[in-house]
C-alpha atoms as a PDB file:
ATOM      1  CA  UNK A   1       0.208  14.985   7.417  1.00  0.00           C
ATOM      2  CA  UNK A   2       1.198  11.219   8.742  1.00  0.00           C
ATOM      3  CA  UNK A   3       4.997  10.383   9.686  1.00  0.00           C
ATOM      4  CA  UNK A   4       5.853   7.384   7.335  1.00  0.00           C
ATOM      5  CA  UNK A   5       7.694   5.685  10.369  1.00  0.00           C
ATOM      6  CA  UNK A   6       9.247   2.244   8.334  1.00  0.00           C
ATOM      7  CA  UNK A   7      10.860   3.087   4.731  1.00  0.00           C
ATOM      8  CA  UNK A   8      10.180   0.542   1.773  1.00  0.00           C
ATOM      9  CA  UNK A   9      13.717   1.197  -1.262  1.00  0.00           C
ATOM     10  CA  UNK A  10      13.312   0.366  -4.230  1.00  0.00           C
ATOM     11  CA  UNK A  11      16.883  -1.626  -4.411  1.00  0.00           C
ATOM     12  CA  UNK A  12      14.561  -4.164  -1.880  1.00  0.00           C
ATOM     13  CA  UNK A  13      13.389  -6.905  -2.423  1.00  0.00           C
ATOM     14  CA  UNK A  14       9.320  -6.797  -2.931  1.00  0.00           C
ATOM     15  CA  UNK A  15       8.899 -10.246  -0.135  1.00  0.00           C
ATOM     16  CA  UNK A  16       9.659  -6.750   2.527  1.00  0.00           C
ATOM     17  CA  UNK A  17       6.503  -4.578   0.987  1.00  0.00           C
ATOM     18  CA  UNK A  18       4.358  -7.691   0.941  1.00  0.00           C
ATOM     19  CA  UNK A  19       5.637  -8.081   4.611  1.00  0.00           C
ATOM     20  CA  UNK A  20       5.197  -4.286   5.786  1.00  0.00           C
ATOM     21  CA  UNK A  21       1.660  -3.805   4.113  1.00  0.00           C
ATOM     22  CA  UNK A  22       0.060  -7.093   6.060  1.00  0.00           C
ATOM     23  CA  UNK A  23       1.743  -6.691   9.660  1.00  0.00           C
ATOM     24  CA  UNK A  24       0.773  -3.094   9.267  1.00  0.00           C
ATOM     25  CA  UNK A  25      -2.492  -3.443   6.893  1.00  0.00           C
ATOM     26  CA  UNK A  26      -1.780  -0.845   4.399  1.00  0.00           C
ATOM     27  CA  UNK A  27      -2.803  -1.700   0.985  1.00  0.00           C
ATOM     28  CA  UNK A  28      -0.988   1.610  -0.367  1.00  0.00           C
ATOM     29  CA  UNK A  29       2.624   2.800   0.726  1.00  0.00           C
ATOM     30  CA  UNK A  30       5.126   4.959  -0.574  1.00  0.00           C
ATOM     31  CA  UNK A  31       8.165   3.688  -1.647  1.00  0.00           C
ATOM     32  CA  UNK A  32      11.422   5.353  -1.508  1.00  0.00           C
ATOM     33  CA  UNK A  33      15.721   4.942  -3.333  1.00  0.00           C
ATOM     34  CA  UNK A  34      17.929   4.632  -0.109  1.00  0.00           C
ATOM     35  CA  UNK A  35      18.639   8.895  -0.136  1.00  0.00           C
ATOM     36  CA  UNK A  36      15.400   8.977   0.898  1.00  0.00           C
ATOM     37  CA  UNK A  37      13.744  10.788  -2.946  1.00  0.00           C
ATOM     38  CA  UNK A  38      10.282   9.157  -3.364  1.00  0.00           C
ATOM     39  CA  UNK A  39       9.931   6.386  -6.549  1.00  0.00           C
ATOM     40  CA  UNK A  40       6.258   5.159  -6.652  1.00  0.00           C
ATOM     41  CA  UNK A  41       3.583   3.875  -4.630  1.00  0.00           C
ATOM     42  CA  UNK A  42       2.694   0.253  -4.365  1.00  0.00           C
ATOM     43  CA  UNK A  43      -0.863  -1.125  -3.882  1.00  0.00           C
ATOM     44  CA  UNK A  44      -2.138  -4.634  -2.633  1.00  0.00           C
ATOM     45  CA  UNK A  45      -4.317  -4.117  -6.208  1.00  0.00           C
ATOM     46  CA  UNK A  46      -0.983  -4.711  -7.938  1.00  0.00           C
ATOM     47  CA  UNK A  47       0.449  -7.175  -6.309  1.00  0.00           C
ATOM     48  CA  UNK A  48      -2.612  -9.356  -6.155  1.00  0.00           C
ATOM     49  CA  UNK A  49      -2.638  -8.898 -10.273  1.00  0.00           C
ATOM     50  CA  UNK A  50       0.563 -10.632 -10.157  1.00  0.00           C
ATOM     51  CA  UNK A  51      -0.765 -14.080  -7.982  1.00  0.00           C
ATOM     52  CA  UNK A  52      -3.948 -14.248 -10.169  1.00  0.00           C
ATOM     53  CA  UNK A  53      -2.756 -16.977 -13.609  1.00  0.00           C
ATOM     54  CA  UNK A  54      -1.111 -15.281 -16.358  1.00  0.00           C
ATOM     55  CA  UNK A  55      -3.040 -16.300 -18.857  1.00  0.00           C
ATOM     56  CA  UNK A  56      -5.831 -13.852 -16.785  1.00  0.00           C
ATOM     57  CA  UNK A  57      -3.994 -10.698 -17.140  1.00  0.00           C
ATOM     58  CA  UNK A  58      -2.117 -11.884 -21.081  1.00  0.00           C
ATOM     59  CA  UNK A  59      -6.411 -12.056 -21.720  1.00  0.00           C
ATOM     60  CA  UNK A  60      -7.232  -8.576 -20.407  1.00  0.00           C
ATOM     61  CA  UNK A  61      -9.921 -10.474 -17.841  1.00  0.00           C
ATOM     62  CA  UNK A  62      -9.622  -7.862 -15.540  1.00  0.00           C
ATOM     63  CA  UNK A  63      -9.850  -4.732 -17.741  1.00  0.00           C
ATOM     64  CA  UNK A  64     -12.601  -6.617 -19.280  1.00  0.00           C
ATOM     65  CA  UNK A  65     -14.719  -6.404 -15.479  1.00  0.00           C
ATOM     66  CA  UNK A  66     -14.392 -10.623 -15.595  1.00  0.00           C
ATOM     67  CA  UNK A  67     -14.869 -11.035 -12.057  1.00  0.00           C
ATOM     68  CA  UNK A  68     -15.395 -14.713 -12.098  1.00  0.00           C
ATOM     69  CA  UNK A  69     -12.459 -17.765 -13.518  1.00  0.00           C
ATOM     70  CA  UNK A  70     -13.426 -20.528 -11.341  1.00  0.00           C
ATOM     71  CA  UNK A  71     -13.052 -22.585 -14.306  1.00  0.00           C
ATOM     72  CA  UNK A  72      -8.936 -22.057 -14.285  1.00  0.00           C
ATOM     73  CA  UNK A  73      -8.154 -24.777 -11.988  1.00  0.00           C
ATOM     74  CA  UNK A  74      -5.697 -23.238  -9.135  1.00  0.00           C
ATOM     75  CA  UNK A  75      -4.877 -24.157  -5.806  1.00  0.00           C
ATOM     76  CA  UNK A  76      -3.501 -22.762  -3.064  1.00  0.00           C
ATOM     77  CA  UNK A  77      -0.180 -23.760  -4.580  1.00  0.00           C
ATOM     78  CA  UNK A  78      -0.049 -22.507  -7.344  1.00  0.00           C
ATOM     79  CA  UNK A  79      -1.140 -18.523  -5.429  1.00  0.00           C
ATOM     80  CA  UNK A  80       2.152 -19.268  -3.764  1.00  0.00           C
ATOM     81  CA  UNK A  81       4.317 -20.187  -6.155  1.00  0.00           C
ATOM     82  CA  UNK A  82       3.630 -16.771  -7.565  1.00  0.00           C
ATOM     83  CA  UNK A  83       3.519 -15.638  -4.481  1.00  0.00           C
ATOM     84  CA  UNK A  84       7.524 -17.023  -3.277  1.00  0.00           C
ATOM     85  CA  UNK A  85       8.621 -15.307  -7.416  1.00  0.00           C
ATOM     86  CA  UNK A  86       6.969 -11.941  -6.641  1.00  0.00           C
ATOM     87  CA  UNK A  87       9.072 -11.403  -2.960  1.00  0.00           C
ATOM     88  CA  UNK A  88      12.123 -12.254  -5.291  1.00  0.00           C
ATOM     89  CA  UNK A  89      11.123  -8.960  -7.233  1.00  0.00           C
ATOM     90  CA  UNK A  90      12.506  -5.729  -6.722  1.00  0.00           C
ATOM     91  CA  UNK A  91       9.780  -3.348  -5.139  1.00  0.00           C
ATOM     92  CA  UNK A  92      10.482  -0.552  -7.542  1.00  0.00           C
ATOM     93  CA  UNK A  93      10.137  -3.354 -10.450  1.00  0.00           C
ATOM     94  CA  UNK A  94       6.481  -2.940  -8.352  1.00  0.00           C
ATOM     95  CA  UNK A  95       5.983   0.283  -7.663  1.00  0.00           C
ATOM     96  CA  UNK A  96       3.582   3.272  -9.923  1.00  0.00           C
ATOM     97  CA  UNK A  97       5.052   5.714 -10.570  1.00  0.00           C
ATOM     98  CA  UNK A  98       2.574   7.829 -12.234  1.00  0.00           C
ATOM     99  CA  UNK A  99       1.478   9.240  -8.817  1.00  0.00           C
ATOM    100  CA  UNK A 100       0.782  12.657  -8.023  1.00  0.00           C
ATOM    101  CA  UNK A 101       2.495  13.988  -4.949  1.00  0.00           C
ATOM    102  CA  UNK A 102       1.735  16.982  -2.526  1.00  0.00           C
ATOM    103  CA  UNK A 103       4.223  19.982  -1.034  1.00  0.00           C
ATOM    104  CA  UNK A 104       4.841  21.244   2.303  1.00  0.00           C
ATOM    105  CA  UNK A 105       2.752  24.394   1.211  1.00  0.00           C
ATOM    106  CA  UNK A 106      -0.503  22.518  -1.096  1.00  0.00           C
ATOM    107  CA  UNK A 107      -3.221  23.083   0.325  1.00  0.00           C
ATOM    108  CA  UNK A 108      -5.371  20.511   1.911  1.00  0.00           C
ATOM    109  CA  UNK A 109      -8.221  21.086  -0.540  1.00  0.00           C
ATOM    110  CA  UNK A 110      -6.275  19.983  -3.243  1.00  0.00           C
ATOM    111  CA  UNK A 111      -4.928  17.266  -1.329  1.00  0.00           C
ATOM    112  CA  UNK A 112      -8.624  16.053  -0.605  1.00  0.00           C
ATOM    113  CA  UNK A 113      -8.913  16.185  -5.114  1.00  0.00           C
ATOM    114  CA  UNK A 114      -6.414  13.807  -4.747  1.00  0.00           C
ATOM    115  CA  UNK A 115      -8.013  11.284  -2.781  1.00  0.00           C
ATOM    116  CA  UNK A 116     -11.202  12.299  -4.166  1.00  0.00           C
ATOM    117  CA  UNK A 117     -10.193  10.594  -6.975  1.00  0.00           C
ATOM    118  CA  UNK A 118      -9.544   7.871  -6.462  1.00  0.00           C
ATOM    119  CA  UNK A 119      -5.516   8.466  -5.122  1.00  0.00           C
ATOM    120  CA  UNK A 120      -5.707   7.269  -1.719  1.00  0.00           C
ATOM    121  CA  UNK A 121      -2.830   7.934  -0.195  1.00  0.00           C
ATOM    122  CA  UNK A 122      -1.050  11.342  -1.379  1.00  0.00           C
ATOM    123  CA  UNK A 123       2.578  11.625  -0.766  1.00  0.00           C
ATOM    124  CA  UNK A 124       3.934  14.343   0.276  1.00  0.00           C
ATOM    125  CA  UNK A 125       7.862  15.561  -1.124  1.00  0.00           C
ATOM    126  CA  UNK A 126       9.826  18.633  -0.713  1.00  0.00           C
ATOM    127  CA  UNK A 127      11.347  20.355  -3.514  1.00  0.00           C
ATOM    128  CA  UNK A 128      14.165  18.038  -3.829  1.00  0.00           C
ATOM    129  CA  UNK A 129      11.638  15.032  -3.759  1.00  0.00           C
ATOM    130  CA  UNK A 130      12.776  13.512  -0.663  1.00  0.00           C
ATOM    131  CA  UNK A 131       9.291  12.053   0.761  1.00  0.00           C
ATOM    132  CA  UNK A 132       8.192  14.394   4.434  1.00  0.00           C
ATOM    133  CA  UNK A 133       5.198  11.721   4.389  1.00  0.00           C
ATOM    134  CA  UNK A 134       1.671  11.026   3.377  1.00  0.00           C
ATOM    135  CA  UNK A 135      -1.561  12.095   3.548  1.00  0.00           C
ATOM    136  CA  UNK A 136      -4.426   9.223   3.529  1.00  0.00           C
ATOM    137  CA  UNK A 137      -8.406   9.930   4.592  1.00  0.00           C
ATOM    138  CA  UNK A 138      -7.684   8.039   7.375  1.00  0.00           C
ATOM    139  CA  UNK A 139      -4.989  10.199   8.711  1.00  0.00           C
ATOM    140  CA  UNK A 140      -7.452  13.788   7.422  1.00  0.00           C
ATOM    141  CA  UNK A 141      -9.798  12.080   9.752  1.00  0.00           C
ATOM    142  CA  UNK A 142      -7.798  12.022  11.734  1.00  0.00           C
ATOM    143  CA  UNK A 143      -6.220  15.210  12.117  1.00  0.00           C
ATOM    144  CA  UNK A 144      -9.596  17.152  11.864  1.00  0.00           C
ATOM    145  CA  UNK A 145     -10.331  15.544  15.525  1.00  0.00           C
ATOM    146  CA  UNK A 146     -10.368  17.863  18.441  1.00  0.00           C
ATOM    147  CA  UNK A 147      -8.458  15.051  20.168  1.00  0.00           C
ATOM    148  CA  UNK A 148      -6.399  13.744  17.843  1.00  0.00           C
ATOM    149  CA  UNK A 149      -3.596  12.400  19.342  1.00  0.00           C
ATOM    150  CA  UNK A 150      -0.716   9.758  16.858  1.00  0.00           C
ATOM    151  CA  UNK A 151      -0.472   7.989  20.466  1.00  0.00           C
ATOM    152  CA  UNK A 152      -3.341   7.148  21.574  1.00  0.00           C
ATOM    153  CA  UNK A 153      -3.976   6.780  17.972  1.00  0.00           C
ATOM    154  CA  UNK A 154      -1.944   3.884  17.410  1.00  0.00           C
ATOM    155  CA  UNK A 155      -2.057   1.572  20.614  1.00  0.00           C
ATOM    156  CA  UNK A 156      -6.214   1.641  19.796  1.00  0.00           C
ATOM    157  CA  UNK A 157      -4.902   0.180  16.569  1.00  0.00           C
ATOM    158  CA  UNK A 158      -2.338  -2.625  17.691  1.00  0.00           C
ATOM    159  CA  UNK A 159      -5.198  -3.505  20.926  1.00  0.00           C
ATOM    160  CA  UNK A 160      -7.390  -4.014  17.462  1.00  0.00           C
ATOM    161  CA  UNK A 161      -4.542  -5.812  15.774  1.00  0.00           C
ATOM    162  CA  UNK A 162      -4.530  -8.169  19.091  1.00  0.00           C
ATOM    163  CA  UNK A 163      -7.529  -8.671  19.405  1.00  0.00           C
ATOM    164  CA  UNK A 164      -8.097 -10.049  15.710  1.00  0.00           C
ATOM    165  CA  UNK A 165      -4.349 -12.547  16.058  1.00  0.00           C
ATOM    166  CA  UNK A 166      -6.121 -13.622  19.174  1.00  0.00           C
ATOM    167  CA  UNK A 167     -10.112 -14.532  17.039  1.00  0.00           C
ATOM    168  CA  UNK A 168      -7.890 -16.176  14.373  1.00  0.00           C
ATOM    169  CA  UNK A 169      -6.000 -18.386  17.065  1.00  0.00           C
ATOM    170  CA  UNK A 170      -8.993 -19.177  18.672  1.00  0.00           C
ATOM    171  CA  UNK A 171     -10.837 -19.504  15.158  1.00  0.00           C
ATOM    172  CA  UNK A 172      -8.028 -22.310  14.066  1.00  0.00           C
END
């Protein structure tokens, strides 16, 4: 299990979740209330769905496997307008509350089964529902490595992010 270092609160604006997910390169993040009780998961998939035109959502196009929507005359400004209104929504209104959780005594194999069944982050909660941390594909792999050291891994990730930032600046 990896600890959750920064909390996203259900009562906060979704803009905080968007900023956090972009900064940390995380596509699925646990959300709590201000008492630390687990509320649900917020995902990049959910957020992206809100950036699509309402017409596409109303048509059920994504559920039917629609692959293109280029016949919509969409601009970045249109999407940016939807993003601005999304940022003002409450995180709690966007979370998936139908999330399976693990407990400290849950066998690792059961958590792995949840991950394999496409729940890529498994929140770990105590008996009162307080979020203790999360298990992900990466946290499992890191913990299985003998040389695993969370600080070393975090430093490597920070270096990679800095390199990507510099590369983006060079390209601009």
